[in-house]
Amino acid sequence: MSCDCITTVDAMLAERNTRIMLPIMLGGDQTARPMIVTEQIETGRGKKKAVGMFATFCPFCGVGCDRGTETQS
């Protein structure tokens, strides 16, 4: 992220023994982004599994991810 929101929010969450999840991502663009956790609605054989989603904009201030090029908000 090109903003400092993750660090700021992690500092506020620390008093509750919590932090934002920034998983390791493999591939060409390895920018750390917050993961949006999802859950599977229907379970059972043949049902599609839940997928993980990654924010491309800061969920706190709306600034776009820095992907090696300058982005404008």
PDB file of N, CA and C in Angstrom:
ATOM      1  N   MET A   1       0.844  -1.169   0.000  1.00  0.00           N
ATOM      2  CA  MET A   1       0.000   0.000   0.000  1.00  0.00           C
ATOM      3  C   MET A   1       0.892   1.236   0.000  1.00  0.00           C
ATOM      4  N   SER A   2       0.448   2.251  -0.677  1.00  0.00           N
ATOM      5  CA  SER A   2       1.229   3.485  -0.723  1.00  0.00           C
ATOM      6  C   SER A   2       0.894   4.417   0.439  1.00  0.00           C
ATOM      7  N   CYS A   3      -0.077   4.055   1.261  1.00  0.00           N
ATOM      8  CA  CYS A   3      -0.407   4.842   2.451  1.00  0.00           C
ATOM      9  C   CYS A   3       0.163   4.140   3.688  1.00  0.00           C
ATOM     10  N   ASP A   4      -0.027   4.727   4.848  1.00  0.00           N
ATOM     11  CA  ASP A   4       0.499   4.178   6.096  1.00  0.00           C
ATOM     12  C   ASP A   4      -0.630   3.669   7.000  1.00  0.00           C
ATOM     13  N   CYS A   5      -1.808   3.448   6.433  1.00  0.00           N
ATOM     14  CA  CYS A   5      -2.980   3.072   7.228  1.00  0.00           C
ATOM     15  C   CYS A   5      -2.815   1.720   7.922  1.00  0.00           C
ATOM     16  N   ILE A   6      -2.223   0.742   7.246  1.00  0.00           N
ATOM     17  CA  ILE A   6      -2.081  -0.592   7.830  1.00  0.00           C
ATOM     18  C   ILE A   6      -1.259  -0.517   9.116  1.00  0.00           C
ATOM     19  N   THR A   7      -0.152   0.211   9.079  1.00  0.00           N
ATOM     20  CA  THR A   7       0.688   0.373  10.263  1.00  0.00           C
ATOM     21  C   THR A   7      -0.069   1.083  11.373  1.00  0.00           C
ATOM     22  N   THR A   8      -0.812   2.123  11.025  1.00  0.00           N
ATOM     23  CA  THR A   8      -1.585   2.886  12.008  1.00  0.00           C
ATOM     24  C   THR A   8      -2.669   2.022  12.645  1.00  0.00           C
ATOM     25  N   VAL A   9      -3.407   1.288  11.831  1.00  0.00           N
ATOM     26  CA  VAL A   9      -4.492   0.447  12.353  1.00  0.00           C
ATOM     27  C   VAL A   9      -3.914  -0.711  13.162  1.00  0.00           C
ATOM     28  N   ASP A  10      -2.804  -1.314  12.707  1.00  0.00           N
ATOM     29  CA  ASP A  10      -2.169  -2.384  13.477  1.00  0.00           C
ATOM     30  C   ASP A  10      -1.758  -1.890  14.864  1.00  0.00           C
ATOM     31  N   ALA A  11      -1.258  -0.658  14.958  1.00  0.00           N
ATOM     32  CA  ALA A  11      -0.880  -0.094  16.251  1.00  0.00           C
ATOM     33  C   ALA A  11      -2.104   0.040  17.160  1.00  0.00           C
ATOM     34  N   MET A  12      -3.241   0.430  16.596  1.00  0.00           N
ATOM     35  CA  MET A  12      -4.462   0.548  17.394  1.00  0.00           C
ATOM     36  C   MET A  12      -5.010  -0.824  17.799  1.00  0.00           C
ATOM     37  N   LEU A  13      -4.858  -1.818  16.921  1.00  0.00           N
ATOM     38  CA  LEU A  13      -5.352  -3.161  17.203  1.00  0.00           C
ATOM     39  C   LEU A  13      -4.459  -3.918  18.184  1.00  0.00           C
ATOM     40  N   ALA A  14      -3.210  -3.487  18.333  1.00  0.00           N
ATOM     41  CA  ALA A  14      -2.252  -4.197  19.188  1.00  0.00           C
ATOM     42  C   ALA A  14      -2.742  -4.329  20.619  1.00  0.00           C
ATOM     43  N   GLU A  15      -3.481  -3.345  21.114  1.00  0.00           N
ATOM     44  CA  GLU A  15      -3.985  -3.423  22.489  1.00  0.00           C
ATOM     45  C   GLU A  15      -5.013  -4.530  22.656  1.00  0.00           C
ATOM     46  N   ARG A  16      -5.557  -5.017  21.547  1.00  0.00           N
ATOM     47  CA  ARG A  16      -6.513  -6.136  21.570  1.00  0.00           C
ATOM     48  C   ARG A  16      -5.876  -7.425  21.060  1.00  0.00           C
ATOM     49  N   ASN A  17      -4.536  -7.430  20.987  1.00  0.00           N
ATOM     50  CA  ASN A  17      -3.779  -8.600  20.540  1.00  0.00           C
ATOM     51  C   ASN A  17      -4.245  -9.058  19.150  1.00  0.00           C
ATOM     52  N   THR A  18      -4.392  -8.093  18.241  1.00  0.00           N
ATOM     53  CA  THR A  18      -4.914  -8.344  16.897  1.00  0.00           C
ATOM     54  C   THR A  18      -4.093  -7.568  15.882  1.00  0.00           C
ATOM     55  N   ARG A  19      -4.043  -8.058  14.651  1.00  0.00           N
ATOM     56  CA  ARG A  19      -3.412  -7.326  13.555  1.00  0.00           C
ATOM     57  C   ARG A  19      -4.100  -7.695  12.246  1.00  0.00           C
ATOM     58  N   ILE A  20      -3.903  -6.874  11.233  1.00  0.00           N
ATOM     59  CA  ILE A  20      -4.479  -7.113   9.913  1.00  0.00           C
ATOM     60  C   ILE A  20      -3.648  -8.170   9.208  1.00  0.00           C
ATOM     61  N   MET A  21      -4.324  -9.099   8.539  1.00  0.00           N
ATOM     62  CA  MET A  21      -3.639 -10.178   7.848  1.00  0.00           C
ATOM     63  C   MET A  21      -3.112  -9.681   6.494  1.00  0.00           C
ATOM     64  N   LEU A  22      -1.802  -9.782   6.297  1.00  0.00           N
ATOM     65  CA  LEU A  22      -1.168  -9.468   5.018  1.00  0.00           C
ATOM     66  C   LEU A  22      -0.441 -10.718   4.559  1.00  0.00           C
ATOM     67  N   PRO A  23      -1.130 -11.617   3.845  1.00  0.00           N
ATOM     68  CA  PRO A  23      -0.535 -12.894   3.477  1.00  0.00           C
ATOM     69  C   PRO A  23       0.579 -12.742   2.444  1.00  0.00           C
ATOM     70  N   ILE A  24       1.456 -13.740   2.390  1.00  0.00           N
ATOM     71  CA  ILE A  24       2.502 -13.794   1.366  1.00  0.00           C
ATOM     72  C   ILE A  24       1.837 -14.214   0.066  1.00  0.00           C
ATOM     73  N   MET A  25       2.087 -13.451  -0.997  1.00  0.00           N
ATOM     74  CA  MET A  25       1.479 -13.765  -2.288  1.00  0.00           C
ATOM     75  C   MET A  25       2.587 -14.069  -3.288  1.00  0.00           C
ATOM     76  N   LEU A  26       2.400 -15.098  -4.069  1.00  0.00           N
ATOM     77  CA  LEU A  26       3.362 -15.469  -5.092  1.00  0.00           C
ATOM     78  C   LEU A  26       2.883 -14.958  -6.441  1.00  0.00           C
ATOM     79  N   GLY A  27       3.815 -14.608  -7.300  1.00  0.00           N
ATOM     80  CA  GLY A  27       3.452 -14.113  -8.618  1.00  0.00           C
ATOM     81  C   GLY A  27       4.213 -12.853  -8.951  1.00  0.00           C
ATOM     82  N   GLY A  28       3.896 -12.269 -10.088  1.00  0.00           N
ATOM     83  CA  GLY A  28       4.593 -11.085 -10.564  1.00  0.00           C
ATOM     84  C   GLY A  28       4.433  -9.883  -9.662  1.00  0.00           C
ATOM     85  N   ASP A  29       3.224  -9.640  -9.175  1.00  0.00           N
ATOM     86  CA  ASP A  29       2.954  -8.490  -8.308  1.00  0.00           C
ATOM     87  C   ASP A  29       2.867  -8.981  -6.870  1.00  0.00           C
ATOM     88  N   GLN A  30       3.906  -8.757  -6.086  1.00  0.00           N
ATOM     89  CA  GLN A  30       3.937  -9.253  -4.710  1.00  0.00           C
ATOM     90  C   GLN A  30       3.722  -8.139  -3.698  1.00  0.00           C
ATOM     91  N   THR A  31       2.886  -7.169  -4.050  1.00  0.00           N
ATOM     92  CA  THR A  31       2.545  -6.082  -3.153  1.00  0.00           C
ATOM     93  C   THR A  31       1.703  -6.626  -1.999  1.00  0.00           C
ATOM     94  N   ALA A  32       2.073  -6.305  -0.773  1.00  0.00           N
ATOM     95  CA  ALA A  32       1.293  -6.751   0.389  1.00  0.00           C
ATOM     96  C   ALA A  32      -0.036  -6.011   0.410  1.00  0.00           C
ATOM     97  N   ARG A  33      -1.116  -6.777   0.445  1.00  0.00           N
ATOM     98  CA  ARG A  33      -2.463  -6.197   0.473  1.00  0.00           C
ATOM     99  C   ARG A  33      -3.280  -6.887   1.547  1.00  0.00           C
ATOM    100  N   PRO A  34      -4.196  -6.175   2.193  1.00  0.00           N
ATOM    101  CA  PRO A  34      -5.040  -6.825   3.197  1.00  0.00           C
ATOM    102  C   PRO A  34      -5.949  -7.869   2.549  1.00  0.00           C
ATOM    103  N   MET A  35      -6.112  -8.983   3.249  1.00  0.00           N
ATOM    104  CA  MET A  35      -6.971 -10.061   2.759  1.00  0.00           C
ATOM    105  C   MET A  35      -8.358  -9.898   3.345  1.00  0.00           C
ATOM    106  N   ILE A  36      -9.367 -10.021   2.497  1.00  0.00           N
ATOM    107  CA  ILE A  36     -10.757  -9.981   2.938  1.00  0.00           C
ATOM    108  C   ILE A  36     -11.194 -11.435   3.093  1.00  0.00           C
ATOM    109  N   VAL A  37     -11.483 -11.833   4.313  1.00  0.00           N
ATOM    110  CA  VAL A  37     -11.831 -13.222   4.605  1.00  0.00           C
ATOM    111  C   VAL A  37     -13.267 -13.481   4.187  1.00  0.00           C
ATOM    112  N   THR A  38     -13.483 -14.595   3.501  1.00  0.00           N
ATOM    113  CA  THR A  38     -14.825 -14.990   3.065  1.00  0.00           C
ATOM    114  C   THR A  38     -15.157 -16.352   3.665  1.00  0.00           C
ATOM    115  N   GLU A  39     -16.411 -16.725   3.611  1.00  0.00           N
ATOM    116  CA  GLU A  39     -16.798 -18.042   4.092  1.00  0.00           C
ATOM    117  C   GLU A  39     -17.717 -18.715   3.076  1.00  0.00           C
ATOM    118  N   GLN A  40     -17.691 -20.032   3.072  1.00  0.00           N
ATOM    119  CA  GLN A  40     -18.510 -20.820   2.166  1.00  0.00           C
ATOM    120  C   GLN A  40     -19.949 -20.827   2.679  1.00  0.00           C
ATOM    121  N   ILE A  41     -20.906 -20.526   1.791  1.00  0.00           N
ATOM    122  CA  ILE A  41     -22.313 -20.461   2.195  1.00  0.00           C
ATOM    123  C   ILE A  41     -22.911 -21.859   2.289  1.00  0.00           C
ATOM    124  N   GLU A  42     -22.830 -22.604   1.202  1.00  0.00           N
ATOM    125  CA  GLU A  42     -23.373 -23.963   1.178  1.00  0.00           C
ATOM    126  C   GLU A  42     -22.221 -24.952   1.172  1.00  0.00           C
ATOM    127  N   THR A  43     -22.318 -25.962   2.010  1.00  0.00           N
ATOM    128  CA  THR A  43     -21.268 -26.974   2.066  1.00  0.00           C
ATOM    129  C   THR A  43     -21.778 -28.272   1.477  1.00  0.00           C
ATOM    130  N   GLY A  44     -20.870 -29.156   1.190  1.00  0.00           N
ATOM    131  CA  GLY A  44     -21.254 -30.458   0.668  1.00  0.00           C
ATOM    132  C   GLY A  44     -20.525 -30.767  -0.626  1.00  0.00           C
ATOM    133  N   ARG A  45     -20.671 -31.989  -1.046  1.00  0.00           N
ATOM    134  CA  ARG A  45     -20.003 -32.467  -2.253  1.00  0.00           C
ATOM    135  C   ARG A  45     -20.492 -31.696  -3.478  1.00  0.00           C
ATOM    136  N   GLY A  46     -19.547 -31.236  -4.282  1.00  0.00           N
ATOM    137  CA  GLY A  46     -19.878 -30.540  -5.516  1.00  0.00           C
ATOM    138  C   GLY A  46     -20.108 -29.044  -5.364  1.00  0.00           C
ATOM    139  N   LYS A  47     -20.107 -28.544  -4.133  1.00  0.00           N
ATOM    140  CA  LYS A  47     -20.302 -27.102  -3.914  1.00  0.00           C
ATOM    141  C   LYS A  47     -18.973 -26.380  -4.083  1.00  0.00           C
ATOM    142  N   LYS A  48     -19.018 -25.203  -4.673  1.00  0.00           N
ATOM    143  CA  LYS A  48     -17.798 -24.419  -4.855  1.00  0.00           C
ATOM    144  C   LYS A  48     -17.266 -23.971  -3.509  1.00  0.00           C
ATOM    145  N   LYS A  49     -15.938 -23.926  -3.405  1.00  0.00           N
ATOM    146  CA  LYS A  49     -15.275 -23.517  -2.169  1.00  0.00           C
ATOM    147  C   LYS A  49     -15.190 -22.001  -2.089  1.00  0.00           C
ATOM    148  N   ALA A  50     -15.077 -21.484  -0.878  1.00  0.00           N
ATOM    149  CA  ALA A  50     -14.920 -20.046  -0.666  1.00  0.00           C
ATOM    150  C   ALA A  50     -13.569 -19.605  -1.230  1.00  0.00           C
ATOM    151  N   VAL A  51     -13.497 -18.385  -1.696  1.00  0.00           N
ATOM    152  CA  VAL A  51     -12.255 -17.839  -2.246  1.00  0.00           C
ATOM    153  C   VAL A  51     -11.777 -16.687  -1.373  1.00  0.00           C
ATOM    154  N   GLY A  52     -10.476 -16.441  -1.385  1.00  0.00           N
ATOM    155  CA  GLY A  52      -9.914 -15.297  -0.683  1.00  0.00           C
ATOM    156  C   GLY A  52      -9.923 -14.087  -1.603  1.00  0.00           C
ATOM    157  N   MET A  53     -10.130 -12.932  -1.045  1.00  0.00           N
ATOM    158  CA  MET A  53     -10.128 -11.697  -1.833  1.00  0.00           C
ATOM    159  C   MET A  53      -9.057 -10.771  -1.254  1.00  0.00           C
ATOM    160  N   PHE A  54      -8.406 -10.004  -2.139  1.00  0.00           N
ATOM    161  CA  PHE A  54      -7.371  -9.084  -1.717  1.00  0.00           C
ATOM    162  C   PHE A  54      -7.741  -7.677  -2.162  1.00  0.00           C
ATOM    163  N   ALA A  55      -7.652  -6.730  -1.240  1.00  0.00           N
ATOM    164  CA  ALA A  55      -8.011  -5.344  -1.528  1.00  0.00           C
ATOM    165  C   ALA A  55      -7.007  -4.732  -2.495  1.00  0.00           C
ATOM    166  N   THR A  56      -7.495  -4.018  -3.505  1.00  0.00           N
ATOM    167  CA  THR A  56      -6.625  -3.285  -4.425  1.00  0.00           C
ATOM    168  C   THR A  56      -6.585  -1.802  -4.079  1.00  0.00           C
ATOM    169  N   PHE A  57      -7.451  -1.390  -3.163  1.00  0.00           N
ATOM    170  CA  PHE A  57      -7.463  -0.035  -2.617  1.00  0.00           C
ATOM    171  C   PHE A  57      -7.451  -0.155  -1.102  1.00  0.00           C
ATOM    172  N   CYS A  58      -6.871   0.813  -0.429  1.00  0.00           N
ATOM    173  CA  CYS A  58      -6.850   0.801   1.031  1.00  0.00           C
ATOM    174  C   CYS A  58      -8.288   0.872   1.541  1.00  0.00           C
ATOM    175  N   PRO A  59      -8.705  -0.084   2.395  1.00  0.00           N
ATOM    176  CA  PRO A  59     -10.073  -0.055   2.906  1.00  0.00           C
ATOM    177  C   PRO A  59     -10.320   1.067   3.912  1.00  0.00           C
ATOM    178  N   PHE A  60      -9.271   1.773   4.320  1.00  0.00           N
ATOM    179  CA  PHE A  60      -9.408   2.823   5.322  1.00  0.00           C
ATOM    180  C   PHE A  60      -9.415   4.219   4.716  1.00  0.00           C
ATOM    181  N   CYS A  61      -8.581   4.464   3.692  1.00  0.00           N
ATOM    182  CA  CYS A  61      -8.514   5.813   3.115  1.00  0.00           C
ATOM    183  C   CYS A  61      -8.822   5.852   1.619  1.00  0.00           C
ATOM    184  N   GLY A  62      -8.876   4.685   0.959  1.00  0.00           N
ATOM    185  CA  GLY A  62      -9.244   4.633  -0.451  1.00  0.00           C
ATOM    186  C   GLY A  62      -8.112   4.809  -1.434  1.00  0.00           C
ATOM    187  N   VAL A  63      -6.874   4.953  -0.972  1.00  0.00           N
ATOM    188  CA  VAL A  63      -5.731   5.104  -1.873  1.00  0.00           C
ATOM    189  C   VAL A  63      -5.453   3.766  -2.546  1.00  0.00           C
ATOM    190  N   GLY A  64      -5.158   3.795  -3.846  1.00  0.00           N
ATOM    191  CA  GLY A  64      -4.875   2.580  -4.603  1.00  0.00           C
ATOM    192  C   GLY A  64      -3.553   1.954  -4.211  1.00  0.00           C
ATOM    193  N   CYS A  65      -3.429   0.646  -4.476  1.00  0.00           N
ATOM    194  CA  CYS A  65      -2.178  -0.070  -4.215  1.00  0.00           C
ATOM    195  C   CYS A  65      -1.077   0.450  -5.122  1.00  0.00           C
ATOM    196  N   ASP A  66       0.117   0.482  -4.602  1.00  0.00           N
ATOM    197  CA  ASP A  66       1.282   0.866  -5.393  1.00  0.00           C
ATOM    198  C   ASP A  66       1.776  -0.379  -6.106  1.00  0.00           C
ATOM    199  N   ARG A  67       1.589  -0.450  -7.406  1.00  0.00           N
ATOM    200  CA  ARG A  67       1.971  -1.607  -8.189  1.00  0.00           C
ATOM    201  C   ARG A  67       3.243  -1.351  -8.989  1.00  0.00           C
ATOM    202  N   GLY A  68       4.118  -0.543  -8.458  1.00  0.00           N
ATOM    203  CA  GLY A  68       5.343  -0.231  -9.166  1.00  0.00           C
ATOM    204  C   GLY A  68       5.186   0.982 -10.058  1.00  0.00           C
ATOM    205  N   THR A  69       3.955   1.402 -10.282  1.00  0.00           N
ATOM    206  CA  THR A  69       3.691   2.616 -11.053  1.00  0.00           C
ATOM    207  C   THR A  69       2.868   3.548 -10.190  1.00  0.00           C
ATOM    208  N   GLU A  70       2.949   4.793 -10.467  1.00  0.00           N
ATOM    209  CA  GLU A  70       2.222   5.771  -9.663  1.00  0.00           C
ATOM    210  C   GLU A  70       0.741   5.714  -9.994  1.00  0.00           C
ATOM    211  N   THR A  71      -0.100   5.595  -8.948  1.00  0.00           N
ATOM    212  CA  THR A  71      -1.553   5.586  -9.143  1.00  0.00           C
ATOM    213  C   THR A  71      -2.132   6.827  -8.486  1.00  0.00           C
ATOM    214  N   GLN A  72      -3.239   7.284  -9.012  1.00  0.00           N
ATOM    215  CA  GLN A  72      -3.893   8.448  -8.437  1.00  0.00           C
ATOM    216  C   GLN A  72      -5.208   8.029  -7.843  1.00  0.00           C
ATOM    217  N   SER A  73      -5.590   8.663  -6.741  1.00  0.00           N
ATOM    218  CA  SER A  73      -6.856   8.310  -6.089  1.00  0.00           C
ATOM    219  C   SER A  73      -7.980   9.203  -6.512  1.00  0.00           C
TER     220      SER A  73
END
